[in-house]
Amino acid sequence: MTTPKKPSDPSYDYVDELNGLRAGFNRAMNLLFKSATTEKIVAEIRVDDQHLQPYGLVHGGVYAGMIETACSSGAALNALARGQSTVGLENSTSFLRAVRGGTLTVTAVPLARGRRSQVWEARVTDDKGRLAASGRVRLLCLDAGEEAGGKTVALSGEALSGIDPSPRR
């Protein structure tokens, strides 16, 4: 029997916690996290009619939303260890291949993880492993009590109750 990894381990998988928080836009997109560590986030969407634009192709906003969600989730897990939260500053998404159906998988990894900002990069592939979109998200790390949009940035309710914020390094 192997000993389960603890949240203080950088390879700890937060997938259950993140899927437990699935609400709002993530639920609307029907995005499901497959793995989530402070080093890499993987999530997927099974393409359905709600994801298509009038030409029957996956809407560009789906790719941008997947990239934003994966990158933001990874940055948030890293910032949480310092008692911070994150908000997006910039999302640059390139659409590279038209997709009409199947499963889209997004994989995000950090490029830079600073105390005040982070940059994450993501790739979206189709179910044949072909690159459909890529992007980068730049995020601002906020200290506890800081405001964005006129309100203190905090997750609602018990959103973080299952996530251990102990230092990861």
Protein backbone atom coordinates (compact mmCIF):
# COMPACT_ATOMS: atom_id res chain seq x y z
CA MET A 1 0.00 0.00 0.00
CA THR A 2 1.39 3.41 -0.94
CA THR A 3 1.11 6.45 1.29
CA PRO A 4 -1.06 9.19 -0.22
CA LYS A 5 0.74 12.41 -1.02
CA LYS A 6 0.07 15.38 1.22
CA PRO A 7 -1.00 18.82 -0.09
CA SER A 8 2.41 20.22 0.93
CA ASP A 9 3.95 18.03 -1.80
CA PRO A 10 4.31 20.00 -5.11
CA SER A 11 3.01 16.95 -7.00
CA TYR A 12 -0.16 16.75 -4.87
CA ASP A 13 -3.17 16.46 -7.19
CA TYR A 14 -5.94 18.97 -6.37
CA VAL A 15 -8.27 17.52 -9.00
CA ASP A 16 -10.99 16.53 -6.50
CA GLU A 17 -10.93 19.94 -4.84
CA LEU A 18 -11.13 21.84 -8.15
CA ASN A 19 -13.89 19.64 -9.53
CA GLY A 20 -15.73 20.17 -6.23
CA LEU A 21 -15.61 23.93 -6.91
CA ARG A 22 -17.00 23.54 -10.43
CA ALA A 23 -19.59 26.28 -10.78
CA GLY A 24 -20.42 29.29 -12.93
CA PHE A 25 -18.52 29.44 -16.21
CA ASN A 26 -16.72 26.12 -15.66
CA ARG A 27 -20.06 24.38 -15.20
CA ALA A 28 -21.56 26.20 -18.20
CA MET A 29 -18.64 25.03 -20.37
CA ASN A 30 -18.93 21.55 -18.80
CA LEU A 31 -15.18 21.64 -18.10
CA LEU A 32 -13.82 18.80 -15.97
CA PHE A 33 -10.35 18.84 -14.38
CA LYS A 34 -8.36 15.66 -15.03
CA SER A 35 -5.27 16.56 -12.95
CA ALA A 36 -4.20 19.66 -11.07
CA THR A 37 -0.83 20.27 -9.43
CA THR A 38 1.11 23.47 -8.86
CA GLU A 39 3.23 22.43 -11.87
CA LYS A 40 0.56 21.45 -14.43
CA ILE A 41 -3.21 21.63 -14.92
CA VAL A 42 -5.09 19.32 -17.30
CA ALA A 43 -8.82 19.66 -18.02
CA GLU A 44 -11.20 18.63 -20.77
CA ILE A 45 -14.50 19.39 -22.44
CA ARG A 46 -16.62 16.96 -24.40
CA VAL A 47 -17.79 19.12 -27.32
CA ASP A 48 -21.57 19.52 -27.47
CA ASP A 49 -23.95 21.84 -29.34
CA GLN A 50 -23.49 24.53 -26.67
CA HIS A 51 -19.79 24.84 -27.65
CA LEU A 52 -20.39 25.47 -31.35
CA GLN A 53 -20.74 28.69 -33.33
CA PRO A 54 -23.22 28.97 -36.24
CA TYR A 55 -20.81 27.30 -38.72
CA GLY A 56 -20.72 24.17 -36.56
CA LEU A 57 -17.16 24.79 -35.32
CA VAL A 58 -16.06 25.08 -31.70
CA HIS A 59 -16.47 28.74 -30.71
CA GLY A 60 -13.22 30.62 -30.08
CA GLY A 61 -14.51 31.64 -26.66
CA VAL A 62 -14.47 27.98 -25.63
CA TYR A 63 -10.73 27.78 -26.33
CA ALA A 64 -10.08 31.10 -24.58
CA GLY A 65 -12.22 29.98 -21.63
CA MET A 66 -10.41 26.66 -21.33
CA ILE A 67 -7.02 28.38 -21.46
CA GLU A 68 -8.08 31.05 -18.95
CA THR A 69 -9.50 28.46 -16.56
CA ALA A 70 -6.50 26.12 -16.66
CA CYS A 71 -3.91 28.89 -16.34
CA SER A 72 -5.85 30.74 -13.64
CA SER A 73 -6.34 27.55 -11.63
CA GLY A 74 -2.63 26.74 -11.69
CA ALA A 75 -1.69 30.29 -10.72
CA ALA A 76 -4.25 30.29 -7.90
CA LEU A 77 -2.87 27.06 -6.42
CA ASN A 78 0.62 28.58 -6.40
CA ALA A 79 -0.50 31.92 -4.93
CA LEU A 80 -2.59 30.22 -2.26
CA ALA A 81 0.59 28.91 -0.63
CA ARG A 82 1.51 32.56 0.08
CA GLY A 83 -1.98 33.52 1.26
CA GLN A 84 -2.66 35.31 -2.03
CA SER A 85 -5.34 35.16 -4.69
CA THR A 86 -4.95 35.83 -8.41
CA VAL A 87 -6.83 37.75 -11.08
CA GLY A 88 -6.23 37.66 -14.80
CA LEU A 89 -4.63 40.64 -16.55
CA GLU A 90 -4.22 39.32 -20.06
CA ASN A 91 -5.31 36.30 -22.12
CA SER A 92 -3.84 35.78 -25.57
CA THR A 93 -5.36 32.83 -27.42
CA SER A 94 -4.51 31.66 -30.94
CA PHE A 95 -6.93 29.40 -32.82
CA LEU A 96 -4.94 26.89 -34.86
CA ARG A 97 -7.28 24.11 -36.00
CA ALA A 98 -11.03 23.93 -36.57
CA VAL A 99 -12.81 21.32 -34.45
CA ARG A 100 -16.44 20.17 -34.78
CA GLY A 101 -16.73 17.50 -32.10
CA GLY A 102 -15.00 15.06 -29.79
CA THR A 103 -13.04 15.94 -26.69
CA LEU A 104 -10.81 18.98 -26.20
CA THR A 105 -8.01 18.76 -23.64
CA VAL A 106 -6.20 21.77 -22.22
CA THR A 107 -2.79 21.49 -20.53
CA ALA A 108 -1.33 24.52 -18.73
CA VAL A 109 2.16 24.99 -17.29
CA PRO A 110 3.84 27.96 -15.61
CA LEU A 111 6.36 30.10 -17.43
CA ALA A 112 6.96 32.49 -14.52
CA ARG A 113 5.70 32.42 -10.93
CA GLY A 114 6.62 35.61 -9.15
CA ARG A 115 5.35 37.16 -5.94
CA ARG A 116 3.33 39.84 -7.79
CA SER A 117 2.60 38.21 -11.14
CA GLN A 118 2.55 34.87 -12.92
CA VAL A 119 2.51 33.85 -16.58
CA TRP A 120 1.08 30.51 -17.61
CA GLU A 121 0.98 28.89 -21.05
CA ALA A 122 -1.63 26.40 -22.31
CA ARG A 123 -2.24 24.13 -25.27
CA VAL A 124 -5.63 22.76 -26.35
CA THR A 125 -5.61 19.51 -28.31
CA ASP A 126 -8.38 17.53 -30.00
CA ASP A 127 -9.03 13.86 -29.31
CA LYS A 128 -6.42 12.90 -31.93
CA GLY A 129 -3.74 14.90 -30.09
CA ARG A 130 -3.64 17.67 -32.70
CA LEU A 131 -3.04 21.23 -31.52
CA ALA A 132 -6.29 23.23 -31.84
CA ALA A 133 -5.37 26.36 -29.86
CA SER A 134 -2.63 27.78 -27.68
CA GLY A 135 -2.40 30.73 -25.36
CA ARG A 136 -0.82 32.58 -22.48
CA VAL A 137 -2.42 34.17 -19.45
CA ARG A 138 -0.75 36.83 -17.29
CA LEU A 139 -2.09 37.07 -13.75
CA LEU A 140 -1.71 39.49 -10.87
CA CYS A 141 -1.14 38.05 -7.40
CA LEU A 142 -3.18 39.90 -4.78
CA ASP A 143 -2.42 39.94 -1.08
CA ALA A 144 -5.23 39.21 1.37
CA GLY A 145 -7.68 42.10 1.53
CA GLU A 146 -6.74 43.68 -1.82
CA GLU A 147 -9.53 44.78 -4.13
CA ALA A 148 -10.31 44.13 -7.78
CA GLY A 149 -13.40 45.60 -9.39
CA GLY A 150 -14.21 47.54 -6.21
CA LYS A 151 -14.45 44.51 -3.93
CA THR A 152 -12.07 42.39 -1.90
CA VAL A 153 -11.00 39.38 -3.95
CA ALA A 154 -12.01 36.17 -2.22
CA LEU A 155 -13.64 32.94 -3.24
CA SER A 156 -17.19 32.64 -1.95
CA GLY A 157 -18.38 30.38 0.81
CA GLU A 158 -16.36 27.30 1.60
CA ALA A 159 -14.64 27.18 -1.77
CA LEU A 160 -11.20 26.73 -0.24
CA SER A 161 -12.22 24.49 2.67
CA GLY A 162 -10.63 21.40 1.09
CA ILE A 163 -7.42 23.08 -0.05
CA ASP A 164 -4.44 23.17 2.29
CA PRO A 165 -2.60 26.50 1.78
CA SER A 166 0.63 25.29 3.39
CA PRO A 167 3.81 26.25 1.51
CA ARG A 168 4.54 24.05 -1.49
CA ARG A 169 8.28 24.58 -1.73
